[in-house]
Amino acid sequence: MLFIDIYFAKEMEYFGAKVSLSVYFYNFIRSHNILSKNPDKTRTPRTPALYAKITDCG
């Protein structure tokens, strides 16, 4: 998993870059099941960014 890799950064610059990538992955790429439920009991894969209407691609 991507989150485990941040602990192996040797320098602070790399650590910051890996944390930024982890946050980006979590919010813009990974779909969350709880956000995917529709009122009519169907599922539409959504990321937190889609749910918050920060982005509209998807």
PDB file of N, CA and C in Angstrom:
ATOM      1  N   MET A   1       0.836  -1.179   0.000  1.00  0.00           N
ATOM      2  CA  MET A   1       0.000   0.000   0.000  1.00  0.00           C
ATOM      3  C   MET A   1       0.882   1.244   0.000  1.00  0.00           C
ATOM      4  N   LEU A   2       0.378   2.305  -0.533  1.00  0.00           N
ATOM      5  CA  LEU A   2       1.134   3.543  -0.693  1.00  0.00           C
ATOM      6  C   LEU A   2       1.466   4.190   0.640  1.00  0.00           C
ATOM      7  N   PHE A   3       0.616   4.064   1.649  1.00  0.00           N
ATOM      8  CA  PHE A   3       0.812   4.750   2.914  1.00  0.00           C
ATOM      9  C   PHE A   3       1.982   4.183   3.711  1.00  0.00           C
ATOM     10  N   ILE A   4       2.296   2.926   3.556  1.00  0.00           N
ATOM     11  CA  ILE A   4       3.397   2.304   4.294  1.00  0.00           C
ATOM     12  C   ILE A   4       4.730   2.858   3.815  1.00  0.00           C
ATOM     13  N   ASP A   5       4.829   3.205   2.546  1.00  0.00           N
ATOM     14  CA  ASP A   5       6.086   3.636   1.947  1.00  0.00           C
ATOM     15  C   ASP A   5       6.583   4.971   2.487  1.00  0.00           C
ATOM     16  N   ILE A   6       5.729   5.803   3.069  1.00  0.00           N
ATOM     17  CA  ILE A   6       6.180   7.125   3.533  1.00  0.00           C
ATOM     18  C   ILE A   6       7.130   7.028   4.716  1.00  0.00           C
ATOM     19  N   TYR A   7       7.137   5.937   5.430  1.00  0.00           N
ATOM     20  CA  TYR A   7       8.000   5.801   6.587  1.00  0.00           C
ATOM     21  C   TYR A   7       9.446   5.506   6.216  1.00  0.00           C
ATOM     22  N   PHE A   8       9.696   5.202   4.955  1.00  0.00           N
ATOM     23  CA  PHE A   8      11.038   4.844   4.523  1.00  0.00           C
ATOM     24  C   PHE A   8      11.744   5.987   3.797  1.00  0.00           C
ATOM     25  N   ALA A   9      11.233   7.207   3.895  1.00  0.00           N
ATOM     26  CA  ALA A   9      11.865   8.356   3.266  1.00  0.00           C
ATOM     27  C   ALA A   9      13.112   8.732   4.056  1.00  0.00           C
ATOM     28  N   LYS A  10      14.217   8.932   3.360  1.00  0.00           N
ATOM     29  CA  LYS A  10      15.486   9.245   4.020  1.00  0.00           C
ATOM     30  C   LYS A  10      15.628  10.737   4.318  1.00  0.00           C
ATOM     31  N   GLU A  11      15.024  11.581   3.490  1.00  0.00           N
ATOM     32  CA  GLU A  11      15.140  13.020   3.679  1.00  0.00           C
ATOM     33  C   GLU A  11      13.748  13.634   3.790  1.00  0.00           C
ATOM     34  N   MET A  12      13.664  14.777   4.430  1.00  0.00           N
ATOM     35  CA  MET A  12      12.381  15.430   4.659  1.00  0.00           C
ATOM     36  C   MET A  12      11.709  15.831   3.345  1.00  0.00           C
ATOM     37  N   GLU A  13      12.490  16.209   2.342  1.00  0.00           N
ATOM     38  CA  GLU A  13      11.927  16.588   1.043  1.00  0.00           C
ATOM     39  C   GLU A  13      11.178  15.409   0.420  1.00  0.00           C
ATOM     40  N   TYR A  14      11.765  14.236   0.485  1.00  0.00           N
ATOM     41  CA  TYR A  14      11.121  13.042  -0.067  1.00  0.00           C
ATOM     42  C   TYR A  14       9.904  12.638   0.765  1.00  0.00           C
ATOM     43  N   PHE A  15      10.008  12.812   2.059  1.00  0.00           N
ATOM     44  CA  PHE A  15       8.880  12.514   2.933  1.00  0.00           C
ATOM     45  C   PHE A  15       7.681  13.391   2.580  1.00  0.00           C
ATOM     46  N   GLY A  16       7.919  14.677   2.391  1.00  0.00           N
ATOM     47  CA  GLY A  16       6.844  15.590   2.009  1.00  0.00           C
ATOM     48  C   GLY A  16       6.226  15.226   0.677  1.00  0.00           C
ATOM     49  N   ALA A  17       7.051  14.820  -0.276  1.00  0.00           N
ATOM     50  CA  ALA A  17       6.541  14.421  -1.586  1.00  0.00           C
ATOM     51  C   ALA A  17       5.690  13.155  -1.479  1.00  0.00           C
ATOM     52  N   LYS A  18       6.125  12.220  -0.672  1.00  0.00           N
ATOM     53  CA  LYS A  18       5.366  10.971  -0.525  1.00  0.00           C
ATOM     54  C   LYS A  18       4.051  11.196   0.220  1.00  0.00           C
ATOM     55  N   VAL A  19       4.055  12.089   1.203  1.00  0.00           N
ATOM     56  CA  VAL A  19       2.813  12.408   1.906  1.00  0.00           C
ATOM     57  C   VAL A  19       1.840  13.091   0.947  1.00  0.00           C
ATOM     58  N   SER A  20       2.338  14.005   0.124  1.00  0.00           N
ATOM     59  CA  SER A  20       1.481  14.680  -0.850  1.00  0.00           C
ATOM     60  C   SER A  20       0.870  13.695  -1.832  1.00  0.00           C
ATOM     61  N   LEU A  21       1.654  12.745  -2.306  1.00  0.00           N
ATOM     62  CA  LEU A  21       1.128  11.721  -3.212  1.00  0.00           C
ATOM     63  C   LEU A  21       0.089  10.850  -2.520  1.00  0.00           C
ATOM     64  N   SER A  22       0.311  10.548  -1.253  1.00  0.00           N
ATOM     65  CA  SER A  22      -0.650   9.732  -0.518  1.00  0.00           C
ATOM     66  C   SER A  22      -1.978  10.464  -0.349  1.00  0.00           C
ATOM     67  N   VAL A  23      -1.924  11.745  -0.032  1.00  0.00           N
ATOM     68  CA  VAL A  23      -3.145  12.542   0.117  1.00  0.00           C
ATOM     69  C   VAL A  23      -3.866  12.659  -1.214  1.00  0.00           C
ATOM     70  N   TYR A  24      -3.113  12.875  -2.298  1.00  0.00           N
ATOM     71  CA  TYR A  24      -3.705  12.956  -3.625  1.00  0.00           C
ATOM     72  C   TYR A  24      -4.394  11.642  -3.988  1.00  0.00           C
ATOM     73  N   PHE A  25      -3.722  10.532  -3.754  1.00  0.00           N
ATOM     74  CA  PHE A  25      -4.284   9.221  -4.061  1.00  0.00           C
ATOM     75  C   PHE A  25      -5.571   8.988  -3.274  1.00  0.00           C
ATOM     76  N   TYR A  26      -5.567   9.312  -1.996  1.00  0.00           N
ATOM     77  CA  TYR A  26      -6.723   9.081  -1.137  1.00  0.00           C
ATOM     78  C   TYR A  26      -7.926   9.923  -1.563  1.00  0.00           C
ATOM     79  N   ASN A  27      -7.708  11.164  -1.944  1.00  0.00           N
ATOM     80  CA  ASN A  27      -8.809  12.074  -2.239  1.00  0.00           C
ATOM     81  C   ASN A  27      -9.264  12.082  -3.690  1.00  0.00           C
ATOM     82  N   PHE A  28      -8.375  11.790  -4.641  1.00  0.00           N
ATOM     83  CA  PHE A  28      -8.726  11.942  -6.051  1.00  0.00           C
ATOM     84  C   PHE A  28      -8.783  10.632  -6.831  1.00  0.00           C
ATOM     85  N   ILE A  29      -8.172   9.567  -6.348  1.00  0.00           N
ATOM     86  CA  ILE A  29      -8.116   8.324  -7.130  1.00  0.00           C
ATOM     87  C   ILE A  29      -8.904   7.199  -6.475  1.00  0.00           C
ATOM     88  N   ARG A  30      -8.759   7.009  -5.173  1.00  0.00           N
ATOM     89  CA  ARG A  30      -9.385   5.882  -4.480  1.00  0.00           C
ATOM     90  C   ARG A  30     -10.869   6.156  -4.243  1.00  0.00           C
ATOM     91  N   SER A  31     -11.719   5.269  -4.742  1.00  0.00           N
ATOM     92  CA  SER A  31     -13.150   5.433  -4.494  1.00  0.00           C
ATOM     93  C   SER A  31     -13.503   4.841  -3.134  1.00  0.00           C
ATOM     94  N   HIS A  32     -14.457   5.456  -2.461  1.00  0.00           N
ATOM     95  CA  HIS A  32     -14.866   5.049  -1.123  1.00  0.00           C
ATOM     96  C   HIS A  32     -16.293   4.511  -1.181  1.00  0.00           C
ATOM     97  N   ASN A  33     -16.512   3.365  -0.578  1.00  0.00           N
ATOM     98  CA  ASN A  33     -17.822   2.713  -0.634  1.00  0.00           C
ATOM     99  C   ASN A  33     -18.926   3.542   0.014  1.00  0.00           C
ATOM    100  N   ILE A  34     -18.644   4.197   1.104  1.00  0.00           N
ATOM    101  CA  ILE A  34     -19.687   4.945   1.809  1.00  0.00           C
ATOM    102  C   ILE A  34     -20.162   6.133   0.972  1.00  0.00           C
ATOM    103  N   LEU A  35     -19.299   6.684   0.127  1.00  0.00           N
ATOM    104  CA  LEU A  35     -19.674   7.813  -0.723  1.00  0.00           C
ATOM    105  C   LEU A  35     -20.339   7.357  -2.019  1.00  0.00           C
ATOM    106  N   SER A  36     -20.321   6.057  -2.299  1.00  0.00           N
ATOM    107  CA  SER A  36     -20.824   5.535  -3.563  1.00  0.00           C
ATOM    108  C   SER A  36     -22.309   5.197  -3.538  1.00  0.00           C
ATOM    109  N   LYS A  37     -22.935   5.255  -2.379  1.00  0.00           N
ATOM    110  CA  LYS A  37     -24.349   4.875  -2.284  1.00  0.00           C
ATOM    111  C   LYS A  37     -25.238   5.993  -2.820  1.00  0.00           C
ATOM    112  N   ASN A  38     -26.215   5.620  -3.641  1.00  0.00           N
ATOM    113  CA  ASN A  38     -27.202   6.553  -4.180  1.00  0.00           C
ATOM    114  C   ASN A  38     -28.519   6.364  -3.450  1.00  0.00           C
ATOM    115  N   PRO A  39     -29.394   7.358  -3.465  1.00  0.00           N
ATOM    116  CA  PRO A  39     -30.694   7.219  -2.788  1.00  0.00           C
ATOM    117  C   PRO A  39     -31.548   6.068  -3.336  1.00  0.00           C
ATOM    118  N   ASP A  40     -31.359   5.702  -4.597  1.00  0.00           N
ATOM    119  CA  ASP A  40     -32.167   4.622  -5.176  1.00  0.00           C
ATOM    120  C   ASP A  40     -31.492   3.247  -5.032  1.00  0.00           C
ATOM    121  N   LYS A  41     -30.595   3.109  -4.060  1.00  0.00           N
ATOM    122  CA  LYS A  41     -29.921   1.846  -3.698  1.00  0.00           C
ATOM    123  C   LYS A  41     -28.946   1.342  -4.760  1.00  0.00           C
ATOM    124  N   THR A  42     -28.550   2.161  -5.716  1.00  0.00           N
ATOM    125  CA  THR A  42     -27.524   1.778  -6.676  1.00  0.00           C
ATOM    126  C   THR A  42     -26.194   2.357  -6.206  1.00  0.00           C
ATOM    127  N   ARG A  43     -25.127   1.952  -6.873  1.00  0.00           N
ATOM    128  CA  ARG A  43     -23.798   2.426  -6.491  1.00  0.00           C
ATOM    129  C   ARG A  43     -23.119   3.107  -7.672  1.00  0.00           C
ATOM    130  N   THR A  44     -22.535   4.243  -7.402  1.00  0.00           N
ATOM    131  CA  THR A  44     -21.720   4.972  -8.364  1.00  0.00           C
ATOM    132  C   THR A  44     -20.380   5.237  -7.691  1.00  0.00           C
ATOM    133  N   PRO A  45     -19.276   4.687  -8.228  1.00  0.00           N
ATOM    134  CA  PRO A  45     -17.981   4.900  -7.575  1.00  0.00           C
ATOM    135  C   PRO A  45     -17.653   6.393  -7.474  1.00  0.00           C
ATOM    136  N   ARG A  46     -17.352   6.855  -6.260  1.00  0.00           N
ATOM    137  CA  ARG A  46     -17.029   8.262  -6.034  1.00  0.00           C
ATOM    138  C   ARG A  46     -15.803   8.386  -5.140  1.00  0.00           C
ATOM    139  N   THR A  47     -15.015   9.380  -5.435  1.00  0.00           N
ATOM    140  CA  THR A  47     -13.901   9.751  -4.570  1.00  0.00           C
ATOM    141  C   THR A  47     -14.352  10.916  -3.695  1.00  0.00           C
ATOM    142  N   PRO A  48     -13.637  11.234  -2.624  1.00  0.00           N
ATOM    143  CA  PRO A  48     -14.015  12.397  -1.827  1.00  0.00           C
ATOM    144  C   PRO A  48     -14.025  13.694  -2.637  1.00  0.00           C
ATOM    145  N   ALA A  49     -13.133  13.821  -3.621  1.00  0.00           N
ATOM    146  CA  ALA A  49     -13.107  15.030  -4.447  1.00  0.00           C
ATOM    147  C   ALA A  49     -14.356  15.122  -5.320  1.00  0.00           C
ATOM    148  N   LEU A  50     -14.831  14.005  -5.839  1.00  0.00           N
ATOM    149  CA  LEU A  50     -16.067  14.021  -6.618  1.00  0.00           C
ATOM    150  C   LEU A  50     -17.258  14.354  -5.723  1.00  0.00           C
ATOM    151  N   TYR A  51     -17.281  13.800  -4.536  1.00  0.00           N
ATOM    152  CA  TYR A  51     -18.383  14.025  -3.614  1.00  0.00           C
ATOM    153  C   TYR A  51     -18.457  15.487  -3.168  1.00  0.00           C
ATOM    154  N   ALA A  52     -17.297  16.106  -2.985  1.00  0.00           N
ATOM    155  CA  ALA A  52     -17.253  17.508  -2.572  1.00  0.00           C
ATOM    156  C   ALA A  52     -17.359  18.462  -3.754  1.00  0.00           C
ATOM    157  N   LYS A  53     -17.501  17.921  -4.960  1.00  0.00           N
ATOM    158  CA  LYS A  53     -17.621  18.691  -6.191  1.00  0.00           C
ATOM    159  C   LYS A  53     -16.403  19.574  -6.454  1.00  0.00           C
ATOM    160  N   ILE A  54     -15.224  19.080  -6.060  1.00  0.00           N
ATOM    161  CA  ILE A  54     -13.966  19.760  -6.398  1.00  0.00           C
ATOM    162  C   ILE A  54     -13.609  19.471  -7.846  1.00  0.00           C
ATOM    163  N   THR A  55     -13.920  18.267  -8.296  1.00  0.00           N
ATOM    164  CA  THR A  55     -13.680  17.856  -9.670  1.00  0.00           C
ATOM    165  C   THR A  55     -14.968  17.235 -10.216  1.00  0.00           C
ATOM    166  N   ASP A  56     -15.128  17.236 -11.517  1.00  0.00           N
ATOM    167  CA  ASP A  56     -16.343  16.658 -12.084  1.00  0.00           C
ATOM    168  C   ASP A  56     -16.053  15.535 -13.069  1.00  0.00           C
ATOM    169  N   CYS A  57     -14.795  15.129 -13.203  1.00  0.00           N
ATOM    170  CA  CYS A  57     -14.495  14.021 -14.107  1.00  0.00           C
ATOM    171  C   CYS A  57     -14.825  12.711 -13.405  1.00  0.00           C
ATOM    172  N   GLY A  58     -15.373  11.791 -14.149  1.00  0.00           N
ATOM    173  CA  GLY A  58     -15.685  10.512 -13.523  1.00  0.00           C
ATOM    174  C   GLY A  58     -16.894   9.967 -14.026  1.00  0.00           C
TER     175      GLY A  58
END
